Protein backbone atom coordinates (compact mmCIF):
# COMPACT_ATOMS: atom_id res chain seq x y z
CA ASP A 1 24.75 81.07 -12.39
CA GLY A 2 22.47 78.46 -10.84
CA ILE A 3 20.54 80.98 -8.74
CA MET A 4 16.82 81.39 -9.43
CA ASP A 5 15.82 84.67 -11.09
CA GLU A 6 12.25 85.99 -10.89
CA ALA A 7 9.70 87.78 -13.04
CA LYS A 8 6.69 89.50 -11.49
CA LEU A 9 3.70 91.58 -12.51
CA LEU A 10 3.47 94.31 -9.87
CA ILE A 11 0.75 96.86 -9.15
CA SER A 12 1.19 100.38 -7.82
CA ASP A 13 -1.86 102.07 -6.37
CA LYS A 14 -0.60 105.69 -6.48
CA PRO A 15 -0.83 106.23 -9.39
CA PHE A 16 -2.52 103.06 -10.56
CA ARG A 17 -0.02 101.22 -12.73
CA LEU A 18 0.85 97.66 -13.68
CA ALA A 19 4.44 96.72 -14.49
CA LEU A 20 6.46 93.68 -15.48
CA PHE A 21 9.78 93.38 -13.66
CA ALA A 22 12.60 90.87 -13.90
CA PHE A 23 14.84 90.34 -10.88
CA VAL A 24 18.22 88.90 -11.89
CA SER A 25 20.44 87.32 -9.24
CA GLN A 26 23.87 88.84 -8.69
CA HIS A 27 27.05 87.15 -7.44
CA ASP A 28 26.84 88.99 -4.10
CA GLY A 29 23.41 87.49 -3.30
CA THR A 30 21.39 90.57 -4.28
CA PHE A 31 19.05 91.00 -7.24
CA LYS A 32 19.19 93.62 -9.99
CA SER A 33 15.73 94.76 -11.12
CA PHE A 34 14.74 95.47 -14.71
CA LEU A 35 11.51 97.24 -15.67
CA LEU A 36 10.40 95.43 -18.83
CA ASP A 37 6.96 96.94 -19.45
CA GLU A 38 4.51 99.31 -17.80
CA LYS A 39 0.80 99.99 -18.25
CA ASN A 40 -1.07 102.97 -16.79
CA ASP A 41 -4.26 100.94 -16.40
CA VAL A 42 -4.41 98.11 -13.82
CA GLY A 43 -7.43 96.80 -15.74
CA TYR A 44 -4.85 95.01 -17.90
CA LEU A 45 -4.25 92.68 -14.95
CA LYS A 46 -7.38 90.75 -15.93
CA SER A 47 -5.92 89.84 -19.32
CA LEU A 48 -2.10 89.91 -19.00
CA GLY A 49 0.05 87.01 -17.88
CA ILE A 50 3.59 85.75 -17.73
CA ALA A 51 5.09 82.29 -18.18
CA LYS A 52 8.54 80.73 -18.32
CA VAL A 53 9.97 80.08 -21.78
CA SER A 54 12.62 77.37 -22.10
CA ARG A 55 15.88 78.15 -23.81
CA GLY A 56 15.91 77.40 -27.49
CA ARG A 57 15.25 78.80 -30.97
CA TYR A 58 11.87 80.42 -31.70
CA LYS A 59 10.24 81.93 -34.79
CA THR A 60 9.15 85.51 -34.21
CA ALA A 61 5.82 86.94 -35.36
CA CYS A 62 7.49 88.38 -38.46
CA GLY A 63 9.29 85.07 -39.09
CA LYS A 64 5.90 83.34 -39.05
CA GLY A 65 4.53 85.93 -41.50
CA ILE A 66 2.04 87.29 -38.94
CA ILE A 67 3.48 90.81 -39.17
CA GLU A 68 5.95 92.43 -41.52
CA CYS A 69 9.54 92.39 -40.26
CA ARG A 70 10.98 95.80 -39.43
CA LYS A 71 14.62 96.35 -40.34
CA ASP A 72 15.67 95.87 -36.68
CA GLU A 73 13.73 92.58 -36.28
CA THR A 74 14.86 89.06 -36.99
CA ASP A 75 12.71 86.16 -38.11
CA GLU A 76 13.82 84.05 -35.15
CA VAL A 77 15.46 84.46 -31.76
CA PHE A 78 17.74 82.14 -29.84
CA LEU A 79 17.23 82.12 -26.08
CA GLN A 80 20.51 81.10 -24.50
CA TYR A 81 18.75 81.00 -21.11
CA ASN A 82 15.14 80.63 -19.99
CA GLY A 83 13.04 83.67 -20.90
CA ILE A 84 9.75 85.31 -20.02
CA GLU A 85 6.62 85.05 -22.11
CA TYR A 86 4.48 88.16 -21.62
CA PHE A 87 1.05 87.74 -23.12
CA LYS A 88 -2.46 89.06 -23.39
CA VAL A 89 -4.92 86.17 -23.12
CA GLU A 90 -6.08 85.00 -26.56
CA SER A 91 -4.09 87.80 -28.19
CA ALA A 92 -0.51 89.07 -28.54
CA SER A 93 2.59 87.50 -27.02
CA MET A 94 6.21 88.61 -26.70
CA TYR A 95 9.33 87.06 -25.24
CA PHE A 96 11.78 88.90 -23.03
CA TYR A 97 15.18 87.24 -22.99
CA TRP A 98 18.61 87.94 -21.55
CA ASP A 99 21.37 89.15 -23.85
CA SER A 100 24.63 88.31 -22.09
CA SER A 101 26.72 90.53 -24.41
CA THR A 102 24.79 93.71 -23.50
CA LYS A 103 23.71 92.55 -20.01
CA THR A 104 20.14 93.63 -20.74
CA PHE A 105 16.84 92.13 -21.77
CA LYS A 106 15.73 92.09 -25.38
CA LYS A 107 12.20 91.50 -26.58
CA ALA A 108 10.64 89.85 -29.59
CA TRP A 109 7.02 89.68 -30.71
CA ILE A 110 6.04 86.02 -31.04
CA ASP A 111 2.30 86.24 -31.82
CA ASP A 112 0.03 89.10 -32.78
């Protein structure tokens, strides 16, 4: 829609939690929030990060042969819009991406 969406790692101090949220712009100027992941240990903040992923076609971890594909996983995903890379430094990585048919975020493991 041409309006910037946002992704943020947020911390709650009571109880201590770390969460990844996406804030998707709405036509009325507001944002709809989506909780994408939550950790009960803010210590993860030292090793977790997020980055923008450009739209396009990407091999998933199972498509690369890193892990075995489950029956509900595909070997590649197509991001129709920019997505969110959610990663642990020097470790696992997943993409969160918008599915316009269900109006929700989907996720795919990219690296293990």
